[in-house]
Protein backbone atom coordinates (compact mmCIF):
# COMPACT_ATOMS: atom_id res chain seq x y z
CA MET A 1 226.33 -69.04 -160.79
CA LYS A 2 224.32 -68.38 -157.46
CA LEU A 3 224.58 -68.14 -154.27
CA SER A 4 222.63 -67.98 -150.65
CA LEU A 5 222.29 -64.45 -149.34
CA ALA A 6 224.31 -65.88 -146.60
CA VAL A 7 227.18 -66.77 -148.40
CA LEU A 8 226.53 -63.44 -150.69
CA GLY A 9 226.80 -61.13 -147.70
CA GLY A 10 230.06 -62.87 -146.32
CA ALA A 11 231.83 -62.25 -150.00
CA LEU A 12 230.61 -58.83 -149.99
CA LEU A 13 232.08 -58.16 -146.65
CA ALA A 14 235.46 -59.65 -147.07
CA VAL A 15 237.25 -56.42 -148.45
CA SER A 16 241.19 -57.37 -147.76
CA CYS A 17 242.96 -55.30 -145.52
CA ASN A 18 245.66 -53.78 -147.27
CA PRO A 19 248.02 -51.66 -145.02
CA SER A 20 250.26 -50.57 -148.09
CA GLY A 21 247.19 -48.58 -150.11
CA GLY A 22 246.70 -51.29 -153.15
CA ASP A 23 250.72 -52.28 -153.24
CA HIS A 24 250.61 -56.25 -152.40
CA ASP A 25 253.82 -56.48 -153.19
CA LYS A 26 255.04 -55.10 -150.17
CA ILE A 27 252.75 -57.08 -147.71
CA SER A 28 254.76 -59.66 -145.86
CA GLU A 29 251.65 -60.84 -144.22
CA ASP A 30 248.78 -61.79 -146.34
CA SER A 31 245.57 -62.29 -144.73
CA VAL A 32 243.58 -63.36 -147.26
CA VAL A 33 246.33 -66.72 -148.24
CA ALA A 34 246.11 -67.26 -144.14
CA LYS A 35 242.79 -67.88 -144.58
CA LEU A 36 243.41 -70.65 -147.30
CA LYS A 37 243.24 -74.22 -146.39
CA VAL A 38 245.54 -75.93 -148.82
CA PRO A 39 247.45 -79.46 -149.08
CA ALA A 40 250.38 -80.21 -147.09
CA ASP A 41 253.66 -79.17 -149.22
CA PHE A 42 251.85 -76.71 -151.41
CA HIS A 43 252.34 -72.97 -151.06
CA ALA A 44 249.76 -70.38 -152.21
CA GLU A 45 250.03 -66.81 -152.85
CA ARG A 46 248.12 -63.97 -153.56
CA LEU A 47 249.72 -62.10 -156.98
CA TYR A 48 247.14 -59.29 -157.21
CA THR A 49 243.72 -57.91 -156.51
CA PRO A 50 241.69 -56.08 -159.54
CA THR A 51 239.27 -54.52 -157.08
CA ASP A 52 241.78 -52.41 -155.70
CA HIS A 53 242.98 -50.66 -158.98
CA GLU A 54 239.13 -50.24 -160.49
CA GLN A 55 239.84 -53.23 -162.77
CA GLY A 56 236.50 -54.56 -162.29
CA SER A 57 235.69 -58.48 -160.93
CA TRP A 58 237.51 -60.77 -163.34
CA VAL A 59 235.91 -64.11 -164.18
CA ALA A 60 237.88 -65.48 -166.70
CA MET A 61 241.51 -66.01 -168.00
CA THR A 62 244.08 -67.74 -170.21
CA PHE A 63 247.75 -67.69 -171.38
CA ASP A 64 249.37 -66.02 -174.58
CA ASP A 65 252.00 -67.46 -176.07
CA LYS A 66 254.54 -65.62 -174.17
CA GLY A 67 253.06 -66.95 -170.97
CA ARG A 68 251.03 -63.89 -169.94
CA ILE A 69 247.84 -63.95 -168.37
CA ILE A 70 244.73 -62.57 -170.18
CA ALA A 71 242.41 -61.99 -168.19
CA CYS A 72 238.62 -60.45 -167.91
CA ASP A 73 236.02 -58.36 -165.95
CA GLN A 74 232.77 -59.77 -166.29
CA TYR A 75 231.38 -56.43 -166.99
CA GLY A 76 234.47 -54.69 -168.55
CA TYR A 77 237.58 -54.89 -170.19
CA LEU A 78 240.25 -57.38 -170.91
CA TYR A 79 243.76 -57.31 -169.08
CA ARG A 80 247.20 -58.68 -170.12
CA VAL A 81 249.20 -59.54 -166.55
CA THR A 82 253.09 -60.55 -166.69
CA VAL A 83 253.51 -61.74 -163.53
CA PRO A 84 256.82 -62.80 -161.76
CA ALA A 85 258.82 -66.18 -161.64
CA VAL A 86 257.83 -68.44 -158.45
CA GLY A 87 260.21 -67.55 -156.18
CA ALA A 88 261.12 -64.30 -157.67
CA ASP A 89 262.24 -61.62 -155.35
CA THR A 90 258.73 -59.33 -155.90
CA ALA A 91 260.25 -56.39 -154.41
CA SER A 92 262.40 -56.35 -157.61
CA GLU A 93 260.53 -57.75 -159.74
CA LYS A 94 256.80 -56.26 -159.76
CA ILE A 95 253.75 -57.35 -161.67
CA LYS A 96 252.61 -55.85 -164.69
CA VAL A 97 249.02 -55.23 -165.60
CA GLU A 98 247.98 -53.67 -168.88
CA LYS A 99 244.21 -52.98 -170.38
CA LEU A 100 243.94 -54.04 -173.73
CA GLU A 101 241.62 -51.50 -175.49
CA ILE A 102 241.61 -52.96 -178.94
CA ASN A 103 242.62 -50.32 -181.27
CA MET A 104 241.27 -51.24 -184.67
CA PRO A 105 242.48 -49.47 -188.15
CA GLY A 106 239.69 -46.69 -189.22
CA ASP A 107 238.04 -46.85 -186.33
CA THR A 108 237.16 -43.22 -184.88
CA SER A 109 234.13 -44.09 -182.57
CA PRO A 110 234.33 -43.04 -179.00
CA ALA A 111 236.29 -44.86 -176.53
CA LYS A 112 233.84 -48.22 -175.69
CA ILE A 113 234.48 -51.67 -174.38
CA LYS A 114 235.67 -52.60 -178.22
CA MET A 115 236.20 -56.02 -176.45
CA GLY A 116 235.69 -57.65 -173.00
CA LEU A 117 232.30 -58.90 -171.01
CA ALA A 118 233.93 -62.20 -171.40
CA HIS A 119 232.73 -65.64 -169.82
CA GLY A 120 236.03 -67.30 -171.94
CA LEU A 121 239.17 -66.97 -173.35
CA LEU A 122 241.73 -68.92 -175.20
CA TYR A 123 244.98 -67.95 -176.82
CA ALA A 124 245.49 -70.47 -179.28
CA PHE A 125 246.25 -70.10 -183.44
CA ASN A 126 248.23 -67.05 -182.59
CA SER A 127 244.51 -65.91 -181.77
CA LEU A 128 242.72 -64.78 -178.86
CA TYR A 129 239.35 -66.19 -178.65
CA VAL A 130 236.91 -64.35 -176.50
CA THR A 131 233.41 -66.00 -175.59
CA VAL A 132 231.41 -62.27 -175.11
CA ASN A 133 228.82 -63.11 -172.89
CA ASP A 134 226.43 -59.92 -173.19
CA GLU A 135 223.00 -58.76 -174.76
CA GLY A 136 223.08 -55.23 -173.61
CA GLN A 137 223.24 -54.74 -169.95
CA ALA A 138 226.26 -52.55 -170.37
CA ASP A 139 225.82 -49.31 -171.97
CA THR A 140 229.24 -49.27 -173.18
CA LEU A 141 228.66 -52.71 -175.33
CA THR A 142 229.67 -52.69 -178.96
CA ARG A 143 229.43 -56.42 -179.60
CA PRO A 144 227.05 -58.80 -178.56
CA SER A 145 227.06 -62.38 -177.44
CA GLY A 146 229.08 -64.56 -179.55
CA VAL A 147 232.47 -66.35 -179.95
CA TYR A 148 235.46 -63.81 -181.31
CA ARG A 149 238.55 -63.97 -182.79
CA LEU A 150 241.14 -61.46 -182.18
CA GLN A 151 244.17 -60.57 -183.72
CA ASP A 152 247.37 -58.94 -184.26
CA THR A 153 248.11 -58.24 -187.99
CA ASP A 154 251.08 -55.66 -187.45
CA GLY A 155 253.17 -57.35 -185.08
CA ASP A 156 253.22 -54.62 -182.60
CA ASP A 157 251.71 -57.43 -179.51
CA GLN A 158 247.89 -55.38 -179.63
CA PHE A 159 245.39 -57.05 -181.06
CA ASP A 160 243.91 -54.65 -184.26
CA LYS A 161 241.32 -57.39 -185.49
CA ILE A 162 238.05 -58.61 -184.64
CA THR A 163 235.97 -61.47 -186.17
CA LEU A 164 232.68 -62.76 -185.19
CA LEU A 165 233.00 -66.61 -185.70
CA LYS A 166 229.60 -67.38 -184.32
CA ARG A 167 226.54 -65.31 -182.81
CA LEU A 168 224.97 -66.68 -179.51
CA LYS A 169 221.67 -65.75 -178.23
CA GLY A 170 221.79 -65.95 -174.65
CA ALA A 171 223.31 -63.66 -171.58
CA GLY A 172 223.86 -63.42 -167.98
CA GLU A 173 225.27 -66.68 -165.97
CA HIS A 174 223.39 -69.36 -167.88
CA GLY A 175 224.45 -67.70 -171.59
CA PRO A 176 227.58 -68.39 -173.62
CA HIS A 177 230.76 -69.33 -171.42
CA SER A 178 234.32 -71.14 -171.90
CA VAL A 179 236.25 -72.04 -175.15
CA VAL A 180 238.71 -74.60 -174.92
CA LEU A 181 241.57 -76.11 -177.09
CA SER A 182 241.14 -79.58 -178.50
CA PRO A 183 243.63 -82.23 -177.42
CA ASP A 184 244.99 -83.07 -181.18
CA LYS A 185 245.61 -78.48 -181.02
CA GLN A 186 243.29 -78.60 -184.28
CA SER A 187 239.81 -77.45 -183.41
CA LEU A 188 238.11 -75.40 -180.70
CA TYR A 189 235.24 -76.71 -178.07
CA ILE A 190 232.79 -74.15 -176.82
CA VAL A 191 230.17 -74.84 -173.99
CA ALA A 192 227.15 -72.93 -172.89
CA GLY A 193 224.30 -72.75 -170.54
CA ASN A 194 220.93 -73.67 -170.76
CA PHE A 195 220.01 -69.52 -171.71
CA THR A 196 221.70 -70.17 -174.38
CA ASP A 197 219.61 -70.69 -177.48
CA LEU A 198 221.07 -74.00 -179.60
CA PRO A 199 222.25 -72.05 -182.94
CA ALA A 200 221.87 -73.88 -186.06
CA MET A 201 225.03 -76.96 -186.64
CA ASP A 202 226.57 -77.92 -189.61
CA ASN A 203 226.86 -81.44 -188.11
CA TYR A 204 225.19 -83.48 -185.23
CA ARG A 205 226.67 -86.11 -183.43
CA LEU A 206 223.22 -87.01 -181.86
CA PRO A 207 220.14 -86.62 -183.58
CA ALA A 208 218.29 -83.56 -183.34
CA THR A 209 214.62 -84.81 -182.06
CA TRP A 210 214.62 -83.48 -178.56
CA LYS A 211 210.93 -82.35 -177.62
CA ASN A 212 209.08 -81.87 -174.48
CA ASP A 213 207.28 -84.97 -174.76
CA ASN A 214 206.45 -86.05 -170.99
CA LEU A 215 203.75 -88.58 -170.42
CA LEU A 216 203.26 -86.50 -166.96
CA PRO A 217 201.91 -83.00 -166.91
CA PHE A 218 204.71 -80.55 -167.06
CA LEU A 219 204.72 -78.31 -164.06
CA PRO A 220 205.58 -75.13 -164.49
CA ASP A 221 207.75 -72.90 -162.30
CA PRO A 222 205.50 -70.25 -159.96
CA ASN A 223 208.12 -67.33 -160.91
CA GLY A 224 208.01 -68.57 -164.52
CA PHE A 225 212.04 -69.30 -164.32
CA GLY A 226 212.93 -71.62 -167.72
CA ASN A 227 209.00 -72.41 -168.43
CA ASN A 228 209.35 -71.11 -171.74
CA GLN A 229 213.36 -72.59 -172.77
CA PRO A 230 213.04 -75.45 -175.06
CA PRO A 231 215.26 -78.52 -175.16
CA PRO A 232 217.62 -79.72 -175.07
CA GLY A 233 219.24 -77.46 -172.09
CA GLY A 234 222.85 -76.63 -172.24
CA TRP A 235 225.40 -77.55 -175.07
CA ILE A 236 229.23 -78.11 -176.27
CA ALA A 237 230.16 -77.79 -179.59
CA ARG A 238 233.08 -78.27 -181.58
CA THR A 239 234.57 -75.62 -184.72
CA ASP A 240 237.79 -74.99 -186.56
CA PRO A 241 239.83 -72.30 -185.81
CA GLU A 242 238.17 -70.24 -188.45
CA GLY A 243 234.87 -70.75 -186.84
CA LYS A 244 233.73 -72.10 -190.57
CA ASN A 245 232.23 -75.75 -189.26
CA TRP A 246 230.36 -76.04 -186.11
CA GLU A 247 229.40 -79.66 -185.15
CA LEU A 248 226.55 -80.18 -182.11
CA ILE A 249 229.17 -82.61 -179.69
CA SER A 250 226.77 -82.99 -176.79
CA THR A 251 223.42 -81.85 -175.06
CA GLY A 252 221.47 -81.92 -171.74
CA PHE A 253 223.28 -80.26 -169.55
CA ARG A 254 222.09 -76.99 -167.06
CA ASN A 255 224.62 -74.69 -166.61
CA PRO A 256 228.18 -75.95 -167.05
CA PHE A 257 230.58 -72.93 -167.13
CA ASP A 258 234.04 -74.68 -168.10
CA ILE A 259 235.21 -77.93 -169.88
CA ALA A 260 238.61 -80.08 -169.63
CA PHE A 261 240.34 -82.57 -171.63
CA ASN A 262 242.18 -85.38 -169.27
CA GLU A 263 245.24 -87.15 -170.12
CA ASP A 264 243.54 -89.44 -172.01
CA GLY A 265 241.78 -86.91 -174.24
CA GLU A 266 238.60 -87.59 -172.73
CA LEU A 267 236.00 -84.40 -172.36
CA PHE A 268 234.90 -83.60 -168.66
CA THR A 269 232.45 -80.85 -167.44
CA TYR A 270 231.24 -79.75 -163.76
CA ASP A 271 227.23 -78.98 -164.28
CA SER A 272 225.62 -77.26 -162.24
CA ASP A 273 222.30 -78.15 -160.07
CA MET A 274 218.71 -76.32 -159.80
CA GLU A 275 218.44 -75.46 -156.54
CA TRP A 276 214.84 -74.67 -156.19
CA ASP A 277 214.24 -78.76 -157.10
CA MET A 278 215.80 -79.44 -153.88
CA GLY A 279 213.62 -81.87 -151.90
CA SER A 280 211.73 -83.21 -155.14
CA PRO A 281 212.20 -86.70 -157.07
CA TRP A 282 214.14 -84.52 -160.26
CA TYR A 283 216.58 -82.99 -157.88
CA ARG A 284 220.04 -83.32 -159.49
CA PRO A 285 223.30 -82.09 -157.67
CA THR A 286 226.00 -80.46 -159.07
CA ARG A 287 228.14 -83.17 -161.00
CA ILE A 288 230.96 -84.32 -163.36
CA CYS A 289 229.79 -85.51 -166.33
CA HIS A 290 231.98 -87.70 -168.70
CA VAL A 291 230.98 -85.78 -172.07
CA THR A 292 231.38 -88.49 -174.60
CA SER A 293 230.44 -87.59 -178.12
CA GLY A 294 226.49 -87.66 -179.37
CA ALA A 295 225.99 -87.78 -175.40
CA ASP A 296 222.78 -86.16 -173.99
CA PHE A 297 222.71 -85.74 -170.08
CA GLY A 298 218.89 -85.22 -169.85
CA TYR A 299 218.42 -81.71 -168.23
CA ARG A 300 214.99 -80.17 -169.05
CA GLU A 301 213.45 -77.47 -167.47
CA ASN A 302 211.25 -78.16 -164.86
CA ASN A 303 209.97 -81.71 -163.76
CA GLY A 304 211.07 -82.74 -167.58
CA LYS A 305 214.18 -84.02 -166.45
CA TYR A 306 215.63 -87.49 -167.17
CA SER A 307 216.39 -89.65 -164.58
CA PRO A 308 220.00 -90.90 -164.13
CA ALA A 309 218.33 -94.31 -165.14
CA TYR A 310 216.76 -93.58 -168.64
CA THR A 311 218.67 -95.28 -171.06
CA ASP A 312 218.28 -92.26 -173.64
CA ASN A 313 220.87 -90.20 -171.52
CA LEU A 314 224.02 -90.80 -169.72
CA PRO A 315 224.72 -90.53 -165.86
CA ALA A 316 226.94 -88.67 -164.20
CA ILE A 317 230.57 -90.48 -162.95
CA LEU A 318 230.24 -88.23 -159.52
CA ASN A 319 227.37 -86.26 -157.59
CA ILE A 320 228.87 -83.61 -155.35
CA GLY A 321 225.68 -81.89 -153.85
CA PRO A 322 224.64 -77.91 -154.05
CA GLY A 323 227.08 -75.60 -155.10
CA SER A 324 227.88 -73.39 -157.84
CA PRO A 325 230.19 -74.66 -160.56
CA THR A 326 232.95 -72.43 -162.38
CA ASN A 327 236.08 -73.86 -163.83
CA VAL A 328 236.92 -77.26 -164.58
CA MET A 329 240.40 -77.89 -165.46
CA SER A 330 242.85 -81.13 -165.93
CA GLY A 331 246.04 -81.28 -163.68
CA SER A 332 247.71 -83.06 -166.33
CA ASN A 333 250.42 -80.13 -166.97
CA ALA A 334 250.94 -79.13 -163.37
CA ARG A 335 254.35 -79.39 -161.51
CA PHE A 336 252.35 -81.21 -158.34
CA PRO A 337 252.48 -85.09 -157.20
CA GLU A 338 251.18 -88.04 -159.90
CA ARG A 339 247.80 -87.99 -158.20
CA TYR A 340 246.49 -84.65 -158.57
CA ARG A 341 248.11 -84.26 -162.43
CA GLY A 342 246.05 -87.15 -163.52
CA GLY A 343 242.96 -86.32 -162.39
CA LEU A 344 240.57 -82.72 -162.45
CA PHE A 345 240.09 -79.64 -160.56
CA ALA A 346 236.47 -78.30 -160.05
CA PHE A 347 235.87 -74.89 -158.89
CA ASP A 348 232.47 -74.21 -156.35
CA TRP A 349 232.14 -70.60 -156.54
CA SER A 350 229.43 -70.19 -153.48
CA TYR A 351 231.27 -72.69 -151.14
CA GLY A 352 234.59 -71.22 -151.83
CA THR A 353 235.79 -74.81 -152.48
CA MET A 354 237.85 -76.03 -155.29
CA TYR A 355 237.92 -79.77 -155.40
CA HIS A 356 240.15 -82.50 -156.42
CA ILE A 357 238.23 -85.25 -158.72
CA ASP A 358 240.45 -88.15 -158.83
CA LEU A 359 239.39 -90.47 -161.74
CA GLN A 360 239.90 -94.04 -162.20
CA PRO A 361 238.89 -95.69 -165.57
CA GLU A 362 235.95 -98.01 -165.18
CA GLY A 363 235.59 -99.84 -168.68
CA SER A 364 235.09 -96.98 -171.26
CA SER A 365 234.77 -94.42 -168.49
CA TYR A 366 235.55 -93.69 -165.15
CA LYS A 367 234.69 -93.76 -161.52
CA ALA A 368 235.44 -90.52 -159.45
CA ASN A 369 236.18 -89.80 -155.56
CA VAL A 370 236.20 -85.88 -154.59
CA GLU A 371 238.36 -84.21 -151.85
CA GLU A 372 238.59 -80.69 -151.02
CA PHE A 373 241.86 -79.15 -152.12
CA ILE A 374 241.40 -75.64 -151.67
CA SER A 375 238.94 -73.76 -149.61
CA GLY A 376 238.14 -70.30 -148.29
CA SER A 377 235.96 -68.37 -146.42
CA PRO A 378 234.83 -66.61 -148.83
CA LEU A 379 236.47 -67.94 -151.84
CA PRO A 380 234.03 -66.84 -154.85
CA LEU A 381 235.74 -69.33 -156.99
CA THR A 382 235.72 -67.93 -161.28
CA ASP A 383 238.35 -69.21 -163.26
CA GLY A 384 241.98 -71.06 -163.64
CA ALA A 385 244.32 -72.68 -165.72
CA ILE A 386 247.74 -74.19 -165.35
CA GLY A 387 250.56 -71.78 -166.16
CA PRO A 388 253.49 -72.69 -168.57
CA ASP A 389 255.47 -73.21 -165.49
CA GLY A 390 253.32 -75.61 -163.79
CA ALA A 391 252.02 -73.62 -161.29
CA LEU A 392 248.16 -73.44 -160.85
CA TYR A 393 247.03 -69.90 -161.13
CA PHE A 394 243.18 -68.99 -160.38
CA LEU A 395 240.62 -65.95 -159.72
CA THR A 396 238.00 -65.10 -157.63
CA GLY A 397 235.28 -62.24 -158.00
CA GLY A 398 232.19 -62.37 -159.79
CA ARG A 399 228.96 -60.25 -159.83
CA LYS A 400 231.09 -56.90 -159.29
CA ILE A 401 232.63 -58.60 -155.67
CA ASN A 402 236.06 -58.28 -154.33
CA SER A 403 238.58 -59.71 -157.09
CA ASN A 404 241.96 -61.70 -156.47
CA LEU A 405 244.43 -63.25 -158.71
CA PHE A 406 246.09 -66.31 -156.77
CA ARG A 407 248.78 -68.70 -157.56
CA VAL A 408 249.44 -72.48 -156.06
CA TYR A 409 252.60 -74.69 -156.49
CA TYR A 410 254.00 -77.59 -154.81
CA GLY A 411 257.28 -77.88 -153.07
CA ASP A 412 259.88 -75.66 -154.82
CA ASN A 413 257.72 -75.70 -158.22
CA ASP A 414 260.41 -78.22 -159.55
CA LEU A 415 258.60 -81.74 -160.11
CA LYS A 416 259.54 -83.10 -163.24
CA ASP A 417 256.94 -83.81 -165.66
CA THR A 418 256.82 -87.90 -165.73
CA ALA A 419 254.31 -89.75 -167.86
CA LEU A 420 251.08 -90.94 -166.07
CA THR A 421 250.71 -94.54 -165.85
CA ALA A 422 248.27 -95.81 -168.62
CA ASP A 423 245.80 -98.45 -168.16
CA GLN A 424 245.30 -100.89 -171.01
CA SER A 425 242.08 -102.23 -170.70
CA ALA A 426 240.68 -98.95 -170.20
CA ALA A 427 241.89 -98.08 -173.66
CA ALA A 428 240.88 -100.65 -175.44
CA ALA A 429 237.09 -100.16 -173.85
CA ARG A 430 237.59 -96.54 -174.96
CA HIS A 431 238.76 -97.46 -178.31
CA THR A 432 235.60 -99.80 -178.95
CA ARG A 433 233.34 -96.78 -177.55
CA GLN A 434 234.69 -94.29 -180.05
CA GLN A 435 234.73 -96.94 -183.17
CA LEU A 436 231.04 -96.50 -182.00
CA GLU A 437 231.14 -92.96 -182.06
CA SER A 438 232.94 -92.81 -185.74
CA PHE A 439 229.32 -93.76 -186.88
CA GLN A 440 227.64 -90.25 -185.36
CA GLY A 441 226.87 -87.79 -188.07
CA LYS A 442 226.60 -90.00 -191.24
CA PRO A 443 225.24 -92.91 -192.64
CA ASP A 444 227.81 -95.79 -192.91
CA ALA A 445 227.02 -99.53 -194.21
CA THR A 446 229.23 -100.99 -191.55
CA ALA A 447 227.39 -99.38 -188.98
CA ILE A 448 224.35 -101.55 -188.06
CA ASN A 449 226.42 -104.95 -187.88
CA ILE A 450 229.22 -103.31 -185.68
CA ALA A 451 226.95 -101.42 -183.40
CA TRP A 452 224.00 -103.86 -182.93
CA PRO A 453 225.83 -106.56 -181.15
CA HIS A 454 226.97 -103.54 -178.29
CA LEU A 455 223.45 -102.50 -177.76
CA ASN A 456 223.25 -105.04 -175.02
CA SER A 457 226.82 -104.03 -173.40
CA ASN A 458 227.24 -104.01 -169.88
CA ASP A 459 229.27 -100.69 -170.24
CA ARG A 460 226.29 -98.11 -170.38
CA PHE A 461 228.91 -95.87 -172.49
CA ILE A 462 229.05 -98.16 -174.96
CA GLN A 463 225.51 -99.57 -175.13
CA TYR A 464 224.74 -95.44 -175.36
CA ALA A 465 227.25 -95.27 -178.21
CA ALA A 466 225.76 -98.23 -179.97
CA ARG A 467 222.36 -96.94 -180.19
CA ILE A 468 223.53 -93.20 -181.44
CA ALA A 469 225.46 -95.09 -184.01
CA VAL A 470 222.04 -96.72 -185.35
CA GLU A 471 219.89 -94.25 -185.23
CA HIS A 472 222.61 -91.89 -187.62
CA GLN A 473 221.54 -94.88 -189.99
CA PRO A 474 218.45 -94.96 -192.56
CA VAL A 475 215.72 -96.39 -190.43
CA SER A 476 215.15 -98.59 -193.66
CA GLU A 477 218.51 -100.40 -192.79
CA TRP A 478 217.26 -101.71 -189.25
CA GLN A 479 213.72 -101.27 -188.96
CA GLN A 480 213.33 -105.25 -189.67
CA LYS A 481 216.15 -106.07 -187.39
CA ALA A 482 214.74 -104.10 -184.77
CA LEU A 483 211.61 -105.60 -185.06
CA ALA A 484 212.81 -108.96 -185.42
CA GLU A 485 215.31 -109.03 -182.11
CA THR A 486 214.19 -111.20 -179.87
CA ASP A 487 216.66 -109.78 -176.89
């Protein structure tokens, strides 16, 4: 996450007017909400301002099994939030905020942040998964960067057990980020930025052969930024609920903060640009990537980046421009009109814009269009989620600036959840790609004959999947076939 001095200055000056001394439930005309631009027939409301209550600047959130929000201060604690229903009389139904100070049996240590400093939160499998992002910046640190599982073992509605699933070496705004649930609700997906070392995996969906192998001389950053960071850049991995088996899914990102699955069960991210590269041939704007299994998106430090035209990486489906991506999420569970439910919502922190990404199937992938959904000045968007009530909840904050919790809903929030229209030809193309992806990470005697004809596919994503499938097979099985190939 990054931002210009001008934008940062504006954000720091934008402390909300609060005539009622911090109780926003009593404000009939919210000056912050009044400055938001929202589409017709949508309603926005500010539910809470953590910084008014000395609760930090919130950057991550999830909903638990009781419909409560669990949020985290970037440099502090976890908080659990019970919000009034849409349309409730807030004079009688107050918002409730509880600091989660984890008390483990037998722990007599002085009061410290037992768990917090998170960039990613997910409630699943009767547990809270927390991606801690800290390597010692906070004096209260008791646990370093990694993926942790919190459980309530005695049924008192308080977490009392912490388990480290994976130690991740990296911190800061390019460190470990979000954790999300798979579409089949059987596994977890974790995303990390380019300054997070790739840990050893139990399986690799793409061959681990990356090196700095430029033909042209490497041009190091004069400030040393990223010069010593080895490939393959930011990465996405999958694991089981207990964190026992880890599989690398995709690499080659700069700094994606979040990932999301759409209605088709396909994975997407919103990757950041490197603003210092602007004007250079290798500059890549912020972009939406369709993250297929085994994909490499070609990010390398400085001038080592792959061109999107290179066949050994995949291109973005949409280039947006300069910005600071934070959250990305599917609209599929929102009580919104169908055009919004079939796409994605992508958050840009520095320009204060929430984009709607309209996805249209194209072969085994998608083409995409972007439009502004919500914007504000300032509106430093950090994280968001569709609530169990179908409304969209989002946070602003980060870097210790003023933080807010908002809710956005359509009409009276009573649209029915109807099924989205499926594109059968696109489903068939995705099936072909997924069949090829099934050969990744393991040898299979049938792989070469099935994958080889697809190496010249006009579908870029199918062609890529075929090549990765072949590369996972013993070279002895396809060496002569490659040498004899005339196409």
